[in-house]
Amino acid sequence: MRIIAGAMRGLRLAELGDGDSAAALRPTSDRVREAVFNLLAHGGYAAPPAPIDMRVLDLFSGTGALGLEALSRGAAVATFVENGRAALGLLRDNVARGRAGAAATVLERDATRLGRRTDAAFDLVFLDPPYARGLGERAIASAVAGDWLAPGALVVWEEGAAMSAPAGLTPLDARRYGSSMISLFRHDPV
């Protein structure tokens, strides 16, 4: 795995190794990440084209590949939320490899229990939970309830199947890439 474009282009990310089978680590492939960022940049969903100057929230961040790709492409900051022991080690290693510094924050926290936001809201959210466990629905509900999403925030949700729009989200697009389904939503607070 590597960063596809931007300031960190070509950066090789830490190898999964044996990983942690209970953690269900399944990093977003280079091909799918490239497709997601092309969709964000050229799909007309964000102005300026995402993720330039955006605040990014990477839920179930695993290795951090999505958030680091966003930082590489011009995001202002990225906050990574992860609580798996093996994933946290890989995530911290990758943040250090990318020399992300103050632009990256790692929160060792359950993405389904975020609590109240204590900083500015996020413009772009990556949601890549273990497939078919209902964790994505719980995480996005927690993010909405805790006021983590800015009005108009884009949510990029990776699952094994297309996702229905939870309360507060409007569906924009859904595309299949191999075994991954990417669903794109906009946060429209009620």
N, C-alpha and C. Protein backbone atom coordinates (compact mmCIF):
# COMPACT_ATOMS: atom_id res chain seq x y z
N MET A 1 0.84 -1.18 0.00
CA MET A 1 0.00 0.00 0.00
C MET A 1 0.88 1.24 0.00
N ARG A 2 0.37 2.26 -0.71
CA ARG A 2 1.12 3.49 -0.80
C ARG A 2 0.15 4.66 -0.94
N ILE A 3 0.67 5.87 -0.71
CA ILE A 3 -0.11 7.07 -0.94
C ILE A 3 -0.07 7.34 -2.44
N ILE A 4 -1.23 7.63 -3.03
CA ILE A 4 -1.37 7.72 -4.49
C ILE A 4 -0.91 9.06 -5.05
N ALA A 5 -1.28 10.18 -4.39
CA ALA A 5 -1.02 11.50 -4.98
C ALA A 5 -0.73 12.53 -3.90
N GLY A 6 -0.25 13.69 -4.34
CA GLY A 6 -0.04 14.81 -3.43
C GLY A 6 1.36 14.84 -2.84
N ALA A 7 1.48 15.57 -1.74
CA ALA A 7 2.77 15.81 -1.11
C ALA A 7 3.45 14.53 -0.63
N MET A 8 2.68 13.52 -0.24
CA MET A 8 3.25 12.25 0.24
C MET A 8 3.26 11.17 -0.83
N ARG A 9 3.00 11.55 -2.06
CA ARG A 9 2.89 10.58 -3.16
C ARG A 9 4.03 9.56 -3.12
N GLY A 10 3.65 8.29 -3.25
CA GLY A 10 4.63 7.21 -3.29
C GLY A 10 5.01 6.68 -1.92
N LEU A 11 4.60 7.33 -0.84
CA LEU A 11 4.94 6.87 0.50
C LEU A 11 4.39 5.47 0.72
N ARG A 12 5.28 4.54 1.07
CA ARG A 12 4.86 3.17 1.35
C ARG A 12 4.37 3.10 2.79
N LEU A 13 3.19 2.55 2.96
CA LEU A 13 2.61 2.43 4.29
C LEU A 13 3.05 1.12 4.94
N ALA A 14 2.97 1.08 6.26
CA ALA A 14 3.38 -0.10 7.03
C ALA A 14 2.62 -1.33 6.55
N GLU A 15 3.32 -2.44 6.47
CA GLU A 15 2.71 -3.70 6.07
C GLU A 15 1.84 -4.25 7.19
N LEU A 16 0.75 -4.90 6.81
CA LEU A 16 -0.14 -5.48 7.81
C LEU A 16 0.49 -6.64 8.55
N GLY A 17 1.35 -7.38 7.91
CA GLY A 17 1.91 -8.57 8.54
C GLY A 17 0.80 -9.54 8.86
N ASP A 18 0.89 -10.20 10.00
CA ASP A 18 -0.15 -11.12 10.43
C ASP A 18 -1.38 -10.38 10.94
N GLY A 19 -1.17 -9.13 11.35
CA GLY A 19 -2.28 -8.31 11.82
C GLY A 19 -2.97 -8.92 13.02
N ASP A 20 -4.23 -8.63 13.15
CA ASP A 20 -5.04 -9.08 14.26
C ASP A 20 -6.35 -9.57 13.65
N SER A 21 -6.53 -10.88 13.58
CA SER A 21 -7.72 -11.42 12.89
C SER A 21 -9.02 -10.92 13.52
N ALA A 22 -9.03 -10.67 14.81
CA ALA A 22 -10.24 -10.18 15.47
C ALA A 22 -10.54 -8.74 15.05
N ALA A 23 -9.53 -8.00 14.63
CA ALA A 23 -9.72 -6.59 14.26
C ALA A 23 -10.33 -6.44 12.87
N ALA A 24 -10.33 -7.47 12.08
CA ALA A 24 -10.90 -7.44 10.72
C ALA A 24 -10.27 -6.31 9.91
N LEU A 25 -8.94 -6.17 10.00
CA LEU A 25 -8.26 -5.13 9.22
C LEU A 25 -8.37 -5.45 7.74
N ARG A 26 -8.87 -4.51 6.99
CA ARG A 26 -9.10 -4.64 5.56
C ARG A 26 -8.87 -3.26 4.95
N PRO A 27 -7.61 -2.87 4.78
CA PRO A 27 -7.33 -1.53 4.27
C PRO A 27 -7.92 -1.30 2.89
N THR A 28 -8.37 -0.08 2.67
CA THR A 28 -8.89 0.30 1.36
C THR A 28 -7.75 0.21 0.35
N SER A 29 -7.97 -0.53 -0.72
CA SER A 29 -6.90 -0.74 -1.71
C SER A 29 -6.52 0.57 -2.40
N ASP A 30 -5.33 0.58 -2.97
CA ASP A 30 -4.86 1.76 -3.71
C ASP A 30 -5.85 2.11 -4.81
N ARG A 31 -6.34 1.11 -5.51
CA ARG A 31 -7.27 1.34 -6.63
C ARG A 31 -8.57 1.99 -6.16
N VAL A 32 -9.12 1.50 -5.05
CA VAL A 32 -10.37 2.06 -4.53
C VAL A 32 -10.13 3.46 -3.98
N ARG A 33 -9.02 3.67 -3.28
CA ARG A 33 -8.71 5.02 -2.77
C ARG A 33 -8.58 6.01 -3.92
N GLU A 34 -7.91 5.62 -4.98
CA GLU A 34 -7.76 6.50 -6.13
C GLU A 34 -9.13 6.83 -6.73
N ALA A 35 -10.00 5.84 -6.84
CA ALA A 35 -11.35 6.07 -7.38
C ALA A 35 -12.14 7.01 -6.47
N VAL A 36 -12.04 6.82 -5.16
CA VAL A 36 -12.75 7.69 -4.21
C VAL A 36 -12.29 9.13 -4.35
N PHE A 37 -10.99 9.34 -4.40
CA PHE A 37 -10.48 10.71 -4.48
C PHE A 37 -10.76 11.34 -5.84
N ASN A 38 -10.80 10.54 -6.90
CA ASN A 38 -11.22 11.07 -8.20
C ASN A 38 -12.69 11.49 -8.15
N LEU A 39 -13.52 10.69 -7.51
CA LEU A 39 -14.93 11.03 -7.35
C LEU A 39 -15.10 12.32 -6.55
N LEU A 40 -14.33 12.46 -5.49
CA LEU A 40 -14.42 13.68 -4.67
C LEU A 40 -13.94 14.91 -5.44
N ALA A 41 -12.86 14.74 -6.18
CA ALA A 41 -12.27 15.88 -6.88
C ALA A 41 -13.05 16.27 -8.13
N HIS A 42 -13.67 15.31 -8.80
CA HIS A 42 -14.29 15.60 -10.09
C HIS A 42 -15.80 15.34 -10.13
N GLY A 43 -16.38 14.93 -9.01
CA GLY A 43 -17.80 14.61 -8.99
C GLY A 43 -18.71 15.79 -8.75
N GLY A 44 -18.13 16.96 -8.43
CA GLY A 44 -18.94 18.15 -8.20
C GLY A 44 -19.64 18.17 -6.85
N TYR A 45 -19.17 17.37 -5.90
CA TYR A 45 -19.81 17.28 -4.59
C TYR A 45 -19.27 18.28 -3.58
N ALA A 46 -18.10 18.85 -3.84
CA ALA A 46 -17.48 19.76 -2.88
C ALA A 46 -16.85 20.93 -3.62
N ALA A 47 -16.85 22.08 -2.96
CA ALA A 47 -16.15 23.24 -3.51
C ALA A 47 -15.35 23.85 -2.38
N PRO A 48 -14.04 23.96 -2.49
CA PRO A 48 -13.21 23.52 -3.60
C PRO A 48 -13.19 21.99 -3.67
N PRO A 49 -12.67 21.46 -4.78
CA PRO A 49 -12.62 20.00 -4.88
C PRO A 49 -11.96 19.38 -3.65
N ALA A 50 -12.63 18.42 -3.05
CA ALA A 50 -12.15 17.77 -1.84
C ALA A 50 -10.79 17.15 -2.08
N PRO A 51 -9.93 17.11 -1.12
CA PRO A 51 -10.08 17.56 0.26
C PRO A 51 -9.32 18.87 0.56
N ILE A 52 -9.09 19.73 -0.40
CA ILE A 52 -8.28 20.92 -0.19
C ILE A 52 -8.82 21.75 0.97
N ASP A 53 -7.95 21.98 1.97
CA ASP A 53 -8.25 22.77 3.17
C ASP A 53 -9.36 22.21 4.04
N MET A 54 -9.79 21.00 3.81
CA MET A 54 -10.87 20.42 4.60
C MET A 54 -10.34 19.83 5.90
N ARG A 55 -11.25 19.74 6.87
CA ARG A 55 -11.00 19.03 8.12
C ARG A 55 -11.57 17.62 7.92
N VAL A 56 -10.73 16.60 8.07
CA VAL A 56 -11.09 15.22 7.74
C VAL A 56 -11.18 14.37 9.01
N LEU A 57 -12.25 13.57 9.09
CA LEU A 57 -12.44 12.61 10.17
C LEU A 57 -12.40 11.23 9.55
N ASP A 58 -11.49 10.38 10.02
CA ASP A 58 -11.31 9.03 9.51
C ASP A 58 -11.74 8.05 10.60
N LEU A 59 -13.00 7.57 10.50
CA LEU A 59 -13.55 6.64 11.49
C LEU A 59 -13.21 5.20 11.11
N PHE A 60 -12.90 4.39 12.11
CA PHE A 60 -12.41 3.03 11.88
C PHE A 60 -11.19 3.14 10.97
N SER A 61 -10.26 4.00 11.34
CA SER A 61 -9.17 4.38 10.43
C SER A 61 -8.20 3.27 10.10
N GLY A 62 -8.11 2.23 10.91
CA GLY A 62 -7.20 1.12 10.59
C GLY A 62 -5.79 1.63 10.37
N THR A 63 -5.28 1.46 9.18
CA THR A 63 -3.91 1.89 8.86
C THR A 63 -3.81 3.40 8.64
N GLY A 64 -4.95 4.07 8.48
CA GLY A 64 -4.95 5.52 8.25
C GLY A 64 -4.77 5.91 6.80
N ALA A 65 -4.84 4.96 5.89
CA ALA A 65 -4.56 5.24 4.48
C ALA A 65 -5.48 6.33 3.91
N LEU A 66 -6.77 6.32 4.25
CA LEU A 66 -7.69 7.31 3.69
C LEU A 66 -7.39 8.71 4.22
N GLY A 67 -7.23 8.85 5.52
CA GLY A 67 -6.92 10.15 6.10
C GLY A 67 -5.57 10.69 5.66
N LEU A 68 -4.58 9.81 5.55
CA LEU A 68 -3.25 10.24 5.09
C LEU A 68 -3.31 10.65 3.62
N GLU A 69 -4.08 9.95 2.82
CA GLU A 69 -4.25 10.33 1.42
C GLU A 69 -4.87 11.73 1.34
N ALA A 70 -5.85 12.00 2.21
CA ALA A 70 -6.48 13.32 2.23
C ALA A 70 -5.47 14.39 2.63
N LEU A 71 -4.65 14.12 3.64
CA LEU A 71 -3.62 15.08 4.04
C LEU A 71 -2.64 15.32 2.89
N SER A 72 -2.24 14.25 2.24
CA SER A 72 -1.31 14.36 1.12
C SER A 72 -1.87 15.25 0.01
N ARG A 73 -3.20 15.21 -0.16
CA ARG A 73 -3.85 15.96 -1.23
C ARG A 73 -4.33 17.35 -0.79
N GLY A 74 -3.95 17.78 0.41
CA GLY A 74 -4.22 19.16 0.80
C GLY A 74 -5.20 19.40 1.91
N ALA A 75 -5.68 18.33 2.59
CA ALA A 75 -6.56 18.55 3.73
C ALA A 75 -5.80 19.33 4.81
N ALA A 76 -6.52 20.17 5.53
CA ALA A 76 -5.90 20.98 6.58
C ALA A 76 -5.48 20.11 7.76
N VAL A 77 -6.37 19.26 8.21
CA VAL A 77 -6.10 18.36 9.33
C VAL A 77 -6.85 17.05 9.11
N ALA A 78 -6.39 16.00 9.78
CA ALA A 78 -7.08 14.72 9.77
C ALA A 78 -7.07 14.16 11.19
N THR A 79 -8.23 13.73 11.64
CA THR A 79 -8.36 13.08 12.95
C THR A 79 -8.72 11.63 12.68
N PHE A 80 -7.91 10.75 13.23
CA PHE A 80 -8.05 9.31 13.03
C PHE A 80 -8.66 8.70 14.29
N VAL A 81 -9.74 7.96 14.14
CA VAL A 81 -10.40 7.30 15.28
C VAL A 81 -10.26 5.80 15.11
N GLU A 82 -9.61 5.18 16.09
CA GLU A 82 -9.33 3.73 16.04
C GLU A 82 -9.16 3.24 17.46
N ASN A 83 -9.60 2.01 17.74
CA ASN A 83 -9.37 1.45 19.07
C ASN A 83 -8.75 0.05 19.04
N GLY A 84 -8.48 -0.48 17.87
CA GLY A 84 -7.85 -1.80 17.78
C GLY A 84 -6.35 -1.71 18.04
N ARG A 85 -5.86 -2.59 18.88
CA ARG A 85 -4.45 -2.57 19.28
C ARG A 85 -3.50 -2.67 18.08
N ALA A 86 -3.72 -3.66 17.22
CA ALA A 86 -2.84 -3.85 16.05
C ALA A 86 -2.97 -2.67 15.10
N ALA A 87 -4.20 -2.23 14.86
CA ALA A 87 -4.42 -1.11 13.94
C ALA A 87 -3.79 0.17 14.46
N LEU A 88 -3.87 0.42 15.76
CA LEU A 88 -3.28 1.63 16.33
C LEU A 88 -1.77 1.67 16.10
N GLY A 89 -1.11 0.52 16.23
CA GLY A 89 0.34 0.47 15.98
C GLY A 89 0.66 0.82 14.54
N LEU A 90 -0.11 0.23 13.60
CA LEU A 90 0.09 0.53 12.18
C LEU A 90 -0.24 1.98 11.87
N LEU A 91 -1.31 2.48 12.44
CA LEU A 91 -1.73 3.86 12.22
C LEU A 91 -0.66 4.84 12.69
N ARG A 92 -0.18 4.66 13.89
CA ARG A 92 0.85 5.57 14.42
C ARG A 92 2.14 5.49 13.60
N ASP A 93 2.50 4.30 13.16
CA ASP A 93 3.66 4.13 12.30
C ASP A 93 3.46 4.90 10.99
N ASN A 94 2.28 4.78 10.39
CA ASN A 94 2.02 5.46 9.11
C ASN A 94 1.96 6.97 9.25
N VAL A 95 1.41 7.48 10.34
CA VAL A 95 1.39 8.92 10.58
C VAL A 95 2.83 9.43 10.70
N ALA A 96 3.68 8.67 11.39
CA ALA A 96 5.09 9.05 11.51
C ALA A 96 5.80 8.98 10.16
N ARG A 97 5.54 7.93 9.38
CA ARG A 97 6.16 7.80 8.06
C ARG A 97 5.78 8.99 7.17
N GLY A 98 4.53 9.44 7.29
CA GLY A 98 4.04 10.55 6.47
C GLY A 98 4.45 11.91 6.99
N ARG A 99 5.13 11.92 8.14
CA ARG A 99 5.54 13.18 8.77
C ARG A 99 4.36 14.16 8.83
N ALA A 100 3.22 13.64 9.25
CA ALA A 100 2.00 14.44 9.28
C ALA A 100 2.00 15.46 10.42
N GLY A 101 2.78 15.21 11.46
CA GLY A 101 2.93 16.17 12.55
C GLY A 101 1.62 16.63 13.15
N ALA A 102 1.52 17.95 13.35
CA ALA A 102 0.36 18.55 14.02
C ALA A 102 -0.91 18.45 13.18
N ALA A 103 -0.80 18.14 11.90
CA ALA A 103 -1.98 18.01 11.04
C ALA A 103 -2.76 16.73 11.33
N ALA A 104 -2.14 15.78 12.03
CA ALA A 104 -2.77 14.49 12.31
C ALA A 104 -2.98 14.31 13.81
N THR A 105 -4.19 13.88 14.16
CA THR A 105 -4.51 13.55 15.55
C THR A 105 -5.06 12.13 15.57
N VAL A 106 -4.52 11.32 16.47
CA VAL A 106 -5.01 9.95 16.63
C VAL A 106 -5.80 9.88 17.93
N LEU A 107 -7.08 9.51 17.82
CA LEU A 107 -7.93 9.31 18.99
C LEU A 107 -8.13 7.82 19.20
N GLU A 108 -7.65 7.32 20.32
CA GLU A 108 -7.85 5.92 20.67
C GLU A 108 -9.22 5.82 21.31
N ARG A 109 -10.23 5.52 20.46
CA ARG A 109 -11.61 5.61 20.90
C ARG A 109 -12.48 4.71 20.04
N ASP A 110 -13.57 4.24 20.60
CA ASP A 110 -14.57 3.46 19.87
C ASP A 110 -15.34 4.42 18.97
N ALA A 111 -15.33 4.19 17.67
CA ALA A 111 -15.99 5.09 16.72
C ALA A 111 -17.51 5.11 16.90
N THR A 112 -18.06 4.13 17.59
CA THR A 112 -19.51 4.11 17.81
C THR A 112 -19.90 4.86 19.08
N ARG A 113 -18.91 5.36 19.81
CA ARG A 113 -19.14 6.11 21.06
C ARG A 113 -18.23 7.33 21.09
N LEU A 114 -18.46 8.24 20.17
CA LEU A 114 -17.57 9.39 20.03
C LEU A 114 -17.72 10.43 21.13
N GLY A 115 -18.92 10.58 21.67
CA GLY A 115 -19.16 11.65 22.64
C GLY A 115 -19.29 12.99 21.93
N ARG A 116 -19.25 14.08 22.68
CA ARG A 116 -19.38 15.42 22.12
C ARG A 116 -18.06 15.87 21.50
N ARG A 117 -18.15 16.55 20.38
CA ARG A 117 -16.99 17.13 19.71
C ARG A 117 -16.44 18.27 20.57
N THR A 118 -15.12 18.38 20.62
CA THR A 118 -14.48 19.43 21.42
C THR A 118 -13.72 20.43 20.56
N ASP A 119 -13.68 20.23 19.25
CA ASP A 119 -12.96 21.10 18.34
C ASP A 119 -13.90 21.43 17.18
N ALA A 120 -13.39 22.06 16.14
CA ALA A 120 -14.22 22.40 14.97
C ALA A 120 -14.78 21.15 14.32
N ALA A 121 -15.95 21.29 13.71
CA ALA A 121 -16.60 20.17 13.03
C ALA A 121 -15.82 19.78 11.76
N PHE A 122 -16.11 18.60 11.24
CA PHE A 122 -15.39 18.05 10.09
C PHE A 122 -16.18 18.20 8.80
N ASP A 123 -15.45 18.46 7.70
CA ASP A 123 -16.03 18.67 6.37
C ASP A 123 -16.10 17.40 5.55
N LEU A 124 -15.23 16.45 5.84
CA LEU A 124 -15.12 15.22 5.08
C LEU A 124 -14.92 14.07 6.06
N VAL A 125 -15.77 13.05 5.95
CA VAL A 125 -15.71 11.91 6.87
C VAL A 125 -15.52 10.63 6.06
N PHE A 126 -14.52 9.85 6.44
CA PHE A 126 -14.33 8.52 5.87
C PHE A 126 -14.82 7.52 6.91
N LEU A 127 -15.65 6.61 6.47
CA LEU A 127 -16.25 5.62 7.36
C LEU A 127 -16.00 4.26 6.72
N ASP A 128 -15.12 3.47 7.32
CA ASP A 128 -14.74 2.17 6.77
C ASP A 128 -14.77 1.11 7.86
N PRO A 129 -15.98 0.78 8.35
CA PRO A 129 -16.09 -0.20 9.43
C PRO A 129 -15.92 -1.63 8.93
N PRO A 130 -15.72 -2.57 9.85
CA PRO A 130 -15.80 -3.97 9.45
C PRO A 130 -17.16 -4.20 8.79
N TYR A 131 -17.16 -4.89 7.67
CA TYR A 131 -18.38 -5.05 6.88
C TYR A 131 -19.47 -5.83 7.63
N ALA A 132 -20.72 -5.44 7.35
CA ALA A 132 -21.94 -6.17 7.73
C ALA A 132 -22.09 -6.43 9.22
N ARG A 133 -21.62 -5.50 10.04
CA ARG A 133 -21.78 -5.66 11.49
C ARG A 133 -22.65 -4.55 12.10
N GLY A 134 -23.12 -3.63 11.27
CA GLY A 134 -23.94 -2.53 11.78
C GLY A 134 -23.15 -1.45 12.50
N LEU A 135 -21.83 -1.54 12.44
CA LEU A 135 -20.99 -0.57 13.16
C LEU A 135 -20.98 0.80 12.48
N GLY A 136 -21.08 0.83 11.16
CA GLY A 136 -21.10 2.10 10.45
C GLY A 136 -22.31 2.93 10.82
N GLU A 137 -23.47 2.29 10.90
CA GLU A 137 -24.69 2.99 11.28
C GLU A 137 -24.56 3.59 12.67
N ARG A 138 -24.01 2.81 13.60
CA ARG A 138 -23.83 3.29 14.98
C ARG A 138 -22.80 4.42 15.04
N ALA A 139 -21.74 4.31 14.25
CA ALA A 139 -20.69 5.34 14.27
C ALA A 139 -21.22 6.66 13.70
N ILE A 140 -21.94 6.61 12.58
CA ILE A 140 -22.42 7.85 11.99
C ILE A 140 -23.48 8.47 12.89
N ALA A 141 -24.31 7.66 13.54
CA ALA A 141 -25.30 8.19 14.50
C ALA A 141 -24.58 8.88 15.65
N SER A 142 -23.50 8.30 16.12
CA SER A 142 -22.72 8.90 17.20
C SER A 142 -22.08 10.22 16.75
N ALA A 143 -21.57 10.25 15.52
CA ALA A 143 -20.96 11.47 14.99
C ALA A 143 -21.98 12.58 14.83
N VAL A 144 -23.17 12.24 14.34
CA VAL A 144 -24.23 13.25 14.19
C VAL A 144 -24.69 13.74 15.55
N ALA A 145 -24.93 12.82 16.49
CA ALA A 145 -25.38 13.20 17.83
C ALA A 145 -24.35 14.04 18.56
N GLY A 146 -23.07 13.77 18.34
CA GLY A 146 -22.00 14.51 19.01
C GLY A 146 -21.58 15.78 18.29
N ASP A 147 -22.28 16.12 17.19
CA ASP A 147 -22.01 17.35 16.44
C ASP A 147 -20.61 17.36 15.81
N TRP A 148 -20.15 16.21 15.34
CA TRP A 148 -18.84 16.09 14.72
C TRP A 148 -18.83 16.53 13.26
N LEU A 149 -20.00 16.55 12.61
CA LEU A 149 -20.08 16.85 11.18
C LEU A 149 -20.56 18.28 10.94
N ALA A 150 -19.84 19.00 10.10
CA ALA A 150 -20.26 20.35 9.70
C ALA A 150 -21.46 20.23 8.76
N PRO A 151 -22.31 21.26 8.73
CA PRO A 151 -23.39 21.23 7.75
C PRO A 151 -22.80 21.11 6.34
N GLY A 152 -23.35 20.21 5.54
CA GLY A 152 -22.85 19.99 4.19
C GLY A 152 -21.65 19.07 4.10
N ALA A 153 -21.22 18.52 5.24
CA ALA A 153 -20.06 17.61 5.24
C ALA A 153 -20.33 16.42 4.32
N LEU A 154 -19.28 15.96 3.65
CA LEU A 154 -19.37 14.76 2.82
C LEU A 154 -18.97 13.54 3.65
N VAL A 155 -19.73 12.46 3.49
CA VAL A 155 -19.43 11.21 4.17
C VAL A 155 -19.19 10.15 3.11
N VAL A 156 -18.01 9.55 3.14
CA VAL A 156 -17.63 8.48 2.22
C VAL A 156 -17.64 7.18 3.03
N TRP A 157 -18.59 6.32 2.72
CA TRP A 157 -18.84 5.12 3.52
C TRP A 157 -18.51 3.89 2.69
N GLU A 158 -17.55 3.12 3.16
CA GLU A 158 -17.16 1.87 2.47
C GLU A 158 -17.73 0.68 3.22
N GLU A 159 -18.49 -0.13 2.50
CA GLU A 159 -19.09 -1.35 3.07
C GLU A 159 -19.09 -2.40 1.97
N GLY A 160 -19.62 -3.57 2.28
CA GLY A 160 -19.73 -4.62 1.29
C GLY A 160 -20.96 -4.48 0.41
N ALA A 161 -21.91 -3.62 0.83
CA ALA A 161 -23.15 -3.39 0.08
C ALA A 161 -23.51 -1.92 0.17
N ALA A 162 -24.39 -1.47 -0.71
CA ALA A 162 -24.83 -0.07 -0.67
C ALA A 162 -25.54 0.18 0.65
N MET A 163 -25.34 1.36 1.20
CA MET A 163 -25.92 1.71 2.48
C MET A 163 -27.09 2.66 2.28
N SER A 164 -28.13 2.48 3.08
CA SER A 164 -29.26 3.42 3.09
C SER A 164 -28.84 4.65 3.88
N ALA A 165 -29.44 5.78 3.55
CA ALA A 165 -29.08 7.03 4.21
C ALA A 165 -29.63 7.07 5.63
N PRO A 166 -28.73 7.15 6.63
CA PRO A 166 -29.19 7.31 8.00
C PRO A 166 -29.76 8.72 8.20
N ALA A 167 -30.44 8.94 9.30
CA ALA A 167 -31.00 10.25 9.61
C ALA A 167 -29.91 11.32 9.55
N GLY A 168 -30.24 12.42 8.89
CA GLY A 168 -29.31 13.54 8.78
C GLY A 168 -28.39 13.48 7.58
N LEU A 169 -28.45 12.38 6.81
CA LEU A 169 -27.60 12.25 5.63
C LEU A 169 -28.45 12.12 4.37
N THR A 170 -28.00 12.76 3.30
CA THR A 170 -28.66 12.68 2.00
C THR A 170 -27.76 11.91 1.05
N PRO A 171 -28.29 10.86 0.39
CA PRO A 171 -27.46 10.09 -0.53
C PRO A 171 -27.11 10.90 -1.78
N LEU A 172 -25.85 10.78 -2.22
CA LEU A 172 -25.36 11.47 -3.41
C LEU A 172 -24.96 10.52 -4.51
N ASP A 173 -24.33 9.40 -4.14
CA ASP A 173 -23.78 8.50 -5.14
C ASP A 173 -23.45 7.17 -4.47
N ALA A 174 -23.37 6.10 -5.23
CA ALA A 174 -22.93 4.79 -4.74
C ALA A 174 -22.28 4.06 -5.92
N ARG A 175 -21.09 3.52 -5.67
CA ARG A 175 -20.36 2.82 -6.73
C ARG A 175 -19.67 1.59 -6.16
N ARG A 176 -19.67 0.52 -6.96
CA ARG A 176 -19.02 -0.72 -6.55
C ARG A 176 -17.63 -0.80 -7.17
N TYR A 177 -16.67 -1.19 -6.32
CA TYR A 177 -15.29 -1.44 -6.75
C TYR A 177 -14.90 -2.80 -6.18
N GLY A 178 -15.02 -3.84 -6.99
CA GLY A 178 -14.73 -5.19 -6.51
C GLY A 178 -15.69 -5.56 -5.39
N SER A 179 -15.16 -5.94 -4.23
CA SER A 179 -16.02 -6.33 -3.09
C SER A 179 -16.42 -5.13 -2.24
N SER A 180 -15.96 -3.94 -2.60
CA SER A 180 -16.27 -2.74 -1.83
C SER A 180 -17.34 -1.90 -2.51
N MET A 181 -18.28 -1.43 -1.72
CA MET A 181 -19.29 -0.48 -2.20
C MET A 181 -19.01 0.84 -1.51
N ILE A 182 -18.82 1.88 -2.31
CA ILE A 182 -18.60 3.22 -1.78
C ILE A 182 -19.91 3.99 -1.91
N SER A 183 -20.43 4.44 -0.78
CA SER A 183 -21.65 5.25 -0.75
C SER A 183 -21.25 6.65 -0.30
N LEU A 184 -21.70 7.65 -1.02
CA LEU A 184 -21.37 9.04 -0.72
C LEU A 184 -22.63 9.76 -0.26
N PHE A 185 -22.52 10.44 0.88
CA PHE A 185 -23.64 11.16 1.47
C PHE A 185 -23.23 12.60 1.80
N ARG A 186 -24.24 13.46 1.93
CA ARG A 186 -24.01 14.83 2.43
C ARG A 186 -24.78 14.97 3.74
N HIS A 187 -24.14 15.60 4.73
CA HIS A 187 -24.78 15.84 6.02
C HIS A 187 -25.68 17.06 5.91
N ASP A 188 -26.97 16.84 6.08
CA ASP A 188 -27.96 17.91 6.05
C ASP A 188 -28.67 17.92 7.40
N PRO A 189 -28.15 18.73 8.35
CA PRO A 189 -28.76 18.73 9.69
C PRO A 189 -30.23 19.14 9.61
N VAL A 190 -31.01 18.53 10.47
CA VAL A 190 -32.45 18.81 10.51
C VAL A 190 -32.70 20.06 11.32
